[in-house]
Amino acid sequence: MYNIWKKNDPSEWPLPELVNKQGIEKYEYSLFSQNGEDGIIRYLFSEIGFGSKLFLEFGFGVTQSNSLRLILKEGFGGVFIDGNELSVKYFKQVAKLFGITNVVAISKFLNLNNLETTITQSGLPEEIDLLSIDVDGNDYWFWEAIKFLSPRIVIIEYNASLGQELSLSTLYDPNFNRHEKHSSGFYCGASIKAFEILGKEKGYSLIGCDSNGVNAFFVRDDCLTENIQVISSQLAYRPHKNRLERGLSSEEQFTIIKDLQFVNIQ
């Protein structure tokens, strides 16, 4: 684990095999992230610059998160929150070895009752550079509720099994567990279109998704540059690569869960 944190950025970027890609997928690579987010985040900050150099990330692993590269390579501070006590414990141990003192790791299962208190008590100011949400359930409801922070970039996991046309979110449940909701694990989060609508309401533009069909990337409207292309949810959408590899098309994935309860986001 100690040595994993010592990994370096690729010497050539964008990666040679991706130089002909369009949009933000051209910049993908994973140093500590799971789906190429490290490279996309690096690109976005190369465009908009750094501000507070602070992040907030819900759901993280000790060696895998969207903010770890920013901490180790760019000197970011901020807050990790996760319901897994062991993840928090191990992160604190490794952070101590690396002399990292500007990152707080909090063990808490978030819900709408404790969300604002947990974040405000962490000491974050209103203006932060990055918000990353991956909680496999209440993602839509958490972003909607965060009115007391103004992140410049937002990364949020969308549910590609809901397709590119429907504007749906799962019902809010303070104890959400996607595998308890349905054995497939496909009933969670919200569709890319639902997040696009919410983003517009909050002053954010959708600028793309990772090629694995996991995360949607938003930039606050006042931070957009002429090089950052705003894109519709229909064009940004990518199917979930891992679920496709199980032999299920996106349409088949939705068929499995379509009779469960959803909220139509307008």
Protein backbone atom coordinates (compact mmCIF):
# COMPACT_ATOMS: atom_id res chain seq x y z
CA MET A 1 0.00 0.00 0.00
CA TYR A 2 2.84 2.39 0.86
CA ASN A 3 4.49 1.82 -2.53
CA ILE A 4 1.25 2.27 -4.47
CA TRP A 5 1.10 5.89 -3.29
CA LYS A 6 4.52 6.43 -4.91
CA LYS A 7 3.27 5.90 -8.47
CA ASN A 8 4.04 8.65 -11.00
CA ASP A 9 2.01 10.26 -13.74
CA PRO A 10 2.57 8.89 -17.26
CA SER A 11 5.54 10.49 -19.01
CA GLU A 12 3.46 11.13 -22.14
CA TRP A 13 -0.02 12.65 -21.89
CA PRO A 14 -2.51 12.41 -23.49
CA LEU A 15 -1.65 8.75 -23.81
CA PRO A 16 -0.50 7.91 -27.36
CA GLU A 17 -3.32 5.40 -27.84
CA LEU A 18 -5.93 8.04 -27.00
CA VAL A 19 -4.69 11.07 -28.95
CA ASN A 20 -7.32 10.59 -31.67
CA LYS A 21 -10.21 10.36 -29.19
CA GLN A 22 -12.72 13.18 -29.01
CA GLY A 23 -13.76 15.12 -25.92
CA ILE A 24 -12.52 14.43 -22.41
CA GLU A 25 -11.94 10.72 -23.07
CA LYS A 26 -8.77 11.79 -24.87
CA TYR A 27 -7.23 12.72 -21.51
CA GLU A 28 -8.09 9.62 -19.51
CA TYR A 29 -5.64 7.69 -17.41
CA SER A 30 -5.75 6.14 -13.97
CA LEU A 31 -3.00 6.63 -11.45
CA PHE A 32 -5.15 6.21 -8.35
CA SER A 33 -8.62 6.44 -9.90
CA GLN A 34 -10.65 3.57 -11.31
CA ASN A 35 -11.98 4.77 -14.66
CA GLY A 36 -9.51 7.26 -16.10
CA GLU A 37 -10.70 10.09 -13.85
CA ASP A 38 -7.16 11.17 -12.89
CA GLY A 39 -6.37 12.25 -16.43
CA ILE A 40 -9.71 13.98 -16.97
CA ILE A 41 -9.40 15.89 -13.69
CA ARG A 42 -5.84 16.88 -14.62
CA TYR A 43 -7.08 18.21 -17.96
CA LEU A 44 -9.95 20.19 -16.43
CA PHE A 45 -7.70 21.91 -13.92
CA SER A 46 -5.17 22.64 -16.68
CA GLU A 47 -8.00 24.63 -18.26
CA ILE A 48 -9.63 26.36 -15.27
CA GLY A 49 -6.63 26.54 -12.96
CA PHE A 50 -6.55 25.82 -9.24
CA GLY A 51 -8.40 27.90 -6.69
CA SER A 52 -8.67 26.75 -3.09
CA LYS A 53 -6.95 23.40 -3.78
CA LEU A 54 -9.58 21.76 -1.58
CA PHE A 55 -11.73 18.71 -2.30
CA LEU A 56 -14.64 16.79 -0.81
CA GLU A 57 -15.11 13.15 -1.80
CA PHE A 58 -17.88 10.79 -0.71
CA GLY A 59 -16.92 7.15 -1.06
CA PHE A 60 -13.20 6.37 -1.38
CA GLY A 61 -10.62 3.63 -1.13
CA VAL A 62 -7.21 3.88 0.50
CA THR A 63 -5.39 3.32 -2.80
CA GLN A 64 -8.20 4.28 -5.17
CA SER A 65 -10.08 7.56 -5.28
CA ASN A 66 -10.64 10.58 -7.51
CA SER A 67 -8.80 12.94 -5.17
CA LEU A 68 -5.68 10.96 -4.23
CA ARG A 69 -3.64 12.17 -7.20
CA LEU A 70 -4.55 15.75 -6.33
CA ILE A 71 -3.32 15.20 -2.78
CA LEU A 72 -0.05 13.51 -3.71
CA LYS A 73 0.85 15.39 -6.91
CA GLU A 74 -0.83 18.80 -6.57
CA GLY A 75 -0.77 19.44 -2.81
CA PHE A 76 -4.53 19.41 -2.31
CA GLY A 77 -6.17 19.22 1.09
CA GLY A 78 -9.74 18.35 1.87
CA VAL A 79 -12.15 15.80 3.24
CA PHE A 80 -12.87 12.14 2.56
CA ILE A 81 -16.10 10.62 3.90
CA ASP A 82 -16.93 6.91 3.80
CA GLY A 83 -19.07 4.51 5.77
CA ASN A 84 -16.27 1.93 5.86
CA GLU A 85 -14.35 2.37 9.12
CA LEU A 86 -11.40 0.26 7.90
CA SER A 87 -10.90 2.45 4.82
CA VAL A 88 -10.75 5.53 7.01
CA LYS A 89 -8.43 3.86 9.52
CA TYR A 90 -5.98 2.65 6.85
CA PHE A 91 -6.01 6.00 5.05
CA LYS A 92 -5.05 7.80 8.25
CA GLN A 93 -2.20 5.35 8.85
CA VAL A 94 -0.73 5.76 5.36
CA ALA A 95 -1.30 9.54 5.34
CA LYS A 96 0.72 9.76 8.56
CA LEU A 97 3.60 7.87 6.91
CA PHE A 98 3.57 10.38 4.05
CA GLY A 99 3.33 13.38 6.34
CA ILE A 100 -0.08 14.42 5.01
CA THR A 101 -1.77 16.64 7.58
CA ASN A 102 -4.22 18.65 5.47
CA VAL A 103 -6.69 15.84 4.69
CA VAL A 104 -9.48 14.78 7.03
CA ALA A 105 -10.95 11.28 6.70
CA ILE A 106 -14.36 10.77 8.32
CA SER A 107 -16.11 7.46 8.89
CA LYS A 108 -19.84 8.05 8.58
CA PHE A 109 -22.76 6.64 6.61
CA LEU A 110 -24.27 9.80 5.19
CA ASN A 111 -27.94 10.66 4.94
CA LEU A 112 -29.85 13.89 4.43
CA ASN A 113 -30.10 14.42 8.17
CA ASN A 114 -26.36 14.41 8.84
CA LEU A 115 -24.98 15.53 5.48
CA GLU A 116 -24.72 19.29 6.06
CA THR A 117 -23.59 19.01 9.68
CA THR A 118 -20.88 16.49 8.81
CA ILE A 119 -19.49 18.64 6.02
CA THR A 120 -19.67 22.02 7.77
CA GLN A 121 -18.05 20.60 10.91
CA SER A 122 -15.16 19.30 8.78
CA GLY A 123 -14.01 22.88 8.32
CA LEU A 124 -14.36 23.20 4.55
CA PRO A 125 -15.08 26.70 3.23
CA GLU A 126 -17.90 27.37 0.76
CA GLU A 127 -15.56 27.54 -2.26
CA ILE A 128 -13.78 24.27 -3.06
CA ASP A 129 -12.19 23.02 -6.24
CA LEU A 130 -13.61 19.49 -6.46
CA LEU A 131 -16.66 17.57 -5.27
CA SER A 132 -16.76 13.83 -6.01
CA ILE A 133 -19.86 11.78 -5.17
CA ASP A 134 -19.97 7.98 -5.39
CA VAL A 135 -22.29 6.46 -2.80
CA ASP A 136 -24.13 3.86 -4.93
CA GLY A 137 -27.57 5.07 -3.97
CA ASN A 138 -28.52 8.55 -2.84
CA ASP A 139 -26.10 10.35 -5.19
CA TYR A 140 -28.78 12.58 -6.77
CA TRP A 141 -30.33 13.56 -3.44
CA PHE A 142 -26.95 14.42 -1.90
CA TRP A 143 -25.91 16.71 -4.74
CA GLU A 144 -29.32 18.35 -4.71
CA ALA A 145 -28.99 18.98 -0.96
CA ILE A 146 -25.50 20.51 -1.13
CA LYS A 147 -26.42 24.19 -1.30
CA PHE A 148 -23.78 25.29 1.21
CA LEU A 149 -20.74 24.48 -0.98
CA SER A 150 -19.72 25.82 -4.37
CA PRO A 151 -17.31 23.34 -5.99
CA ARG A 152 -15.76 24.37 -9.29
CA ILE A 153 -15.77 20.80 -10.66
CA VAL A 154 -18.27 18.06 -9.78
CA ILE A 155 -17.77 14.37 -10.55
CA ILE A 156 -20.76 12.16 -9.90
CA GLU A 157 -21.44 8.52 -10.63
CA TYR A 158 -24.46 8.05 -12.88
CA ASN A 159 -26.42 4.86 -13.49
CA ALA A 160 -25.89 3.91 -17.12
CA SER A 161 -28.45 1.11 -16.77
CA LEU A 162 -31.13 3.83 -16.87
CA GLY A 163 -30.15 4.80 -20.42
CA GLN A 164 -29.60 8.19 -22.02
CA GLU A 165 -33.18 9.36 -22.56
CA LEU A 166 -34.92 8.78 -19.22
CA SER A 167 -34.64 11.33 -16.40
CA LEU A 168 -34.88 9.10 -13.34
CA SER A 169 -33.54 8.75 -9.82
CA THR A 170 -34.02 5.98 -7.32
CA LEU A 171 -36.10 6.86 -4.28
CA TYR A 172 -34.27 8.41 -1.36
CA ASP A 173 -33.61 5.96 1.47
CA PRO A 174 -31.43 6.96 4.45
CA ASN A 175 -30.17 3.37 4.66
CA PHE A 176 -29.73 2.78 0.93
CA ASN A 177 -27.97 -0.46 -0.03
CA ARG A 178 -28.19 -1.23 -3.72
CA HIS A 179 -27.75 -4.99 -3.37
CA GLU A 180 -30.54 -5.11 -0.80
CA LYS A 181 -32.75 -3.10 -3.16
CA HIS A 182 -32.21 -5.58 -5.98
CA SER A 183 -29.84 -8.52 -6.35
CA SER A 184 -28.51 -7.17 -9.67
CA GLY A 185 -27.15 -4.03 -8.02
CA PHE A 186 -28.55 -2.03 -10.96
CA TYR A 187 -31.08 -0.10 -8.86
CA CYS A 188 -29.08 2.87 -7.58
CA GLY A 189 -28.29 6.51 -8.24
CA ALA A 190 -29.77 8.43 -11.15
CA SER A 191 -29.60 8.66 -14.92
CA ILE A 192 -27.24 10.96 -16.79
CA LYS A 193 -30.19 13.09 -17.95
CA ALA A 194 -31.43 13.58 -14.38
CA PHE A 195 -27.99 14.82 -13.36
CA GLU A 196 -27.82 17.11 -16.40
CA ILE A 197 -31.10 18.74 -15.32
CA LEU A 198 -29.94 19.08 -11.71
CA GLY A 199 -26.59 20.47 -12.83
CA LYS A 200 -28.26 23.19 -14.90
CA GLU A 201 -30.43 24.17 -11.93
CA LYS A 202 -27.30 24.51 -9.78
CA GLY A 203 -25.29 26.43 -12.38
CA TYR A 204 -23.18 23.60 -13.82
CA SER A 205 -22.59 22.35 -17.35
CA LEU A 206 -22.08 18.73 -18.32
CA ILE A 207 -18.85 18.31 -20.23
CA GLY A 208 -18.67 14.53 -20.65
CA CYS A 209 -18.37 11.06 -19.12
CA ASP A 210 -15.56 8.57 -18.76
CA SER A 211 -15.39 5.86 -21.41
CA ASN A 212 -16.34 3.12 -18.93
CA GLY A 213 -19.76 4.70 -18.42
CA VAL A 214 -19.37 5.38 -14.70
CA ASN A 215 -18.85 9.09 -13.99
CA ALA A 216 -20.29 12.33 -15.33
CA PHE A 217 -18.16 15.50 -15.16
CA PHE A 218 -19.55 18.98 -14.56
CA VAL A 219 -17.88 22.39 -14.52
CA ARG A 220 -19.38 25.41 -12.78
CA ASP A 221 -20.62 27.80 -15.46
CA ASP A 222 -18.46 30.73 -14.36
CA CYS A 223 -15.35 28.54 -14.67
CA LEU A 224 -15.90 27.37 -18.25
CA THR A 225 -13.21 28.19 -20.81
CA GLU A 226 -13.44 28.35 -24.57
CA ASN A 227 -11.69 24.98 -24.81
CA ILE A 228 -14.14 23.14 -22.55
CA GLN A 229 -16.97 21.82 -24.66
CA VAL A 230 -20.42 21.65 -23.08
CA ILE A 231 -22.24 18.52 -24.23
CA SER A 232 -25.77 17.13 -23.96
CA SER A 233 -26.53 14.09 -21.83
CA GLN A 234 -27.49 12.14 -24.96
CA LEU A 235 -24.06 12.71 -26.49
CA ALA A 236 -22.13 12.41 -23.22
CA TYR A 237 -23.73 9.08 -22.24
CA ARG A 238 -21.59 5.97 -22.28
CA PRO A 239 -22.95 2.50 -21.41
CA HIS A 240 -21.53 0.75 -18.35
CA LYS A 241 -18.61 -1.26 -19.70
CA ASN A 242 -18.48 -3.79 -16.88
CA ARG A 243 -22.21 -4.56 -17.11
CA LEU A 244 -22.00 -4.93 -20.89
CA GLU A 245 -19.19 -7.43 -20.41
CA ARG A 246 -21.55 -9.54 -18.33
CA GLY A 247 -23.57 -10.04 -21.51
CA LEU A 248 -26.39 -7.60 -20.74
CA SER A 249 -27.20 -4.67 -23.01
CA SER A 250 -28.21 -1.37 -21.42
CA GLU A 251 -31.79 -2.06 -22.45
CA GLU A 252 -31.71 -5.49 -20.79
CA GLN A 253 -30.23 -3.94 -17.64
CA PHE A 254 -33.11 -1.48 -17.41
CA THR A 255 -35.69 -4.21 -18.07
CA ILE A 256 -34.45 -6.02 -14.96
CA ILE A 257 -35.27 -3.04 -12.69
CA LYS A 258 -37.94 -1.08 -14.60
CA ASP A 259 -40.77 -2.20 -12.31
CA LEU A 260 -39.08 -0.81 -9.19
CA GLN A 261 -39.90 2.67 -7.91
CA PHE A 262 -38.27 5.72 -9.47
CA VAL A 263 -38.64 9.46 -9.25
CA ASN A 264 -39.11 11.24 -12.58
CA ILE A 265 -36.84 14.31 -12.55
CA GLN A 266 -38.24 17.28 -14.48
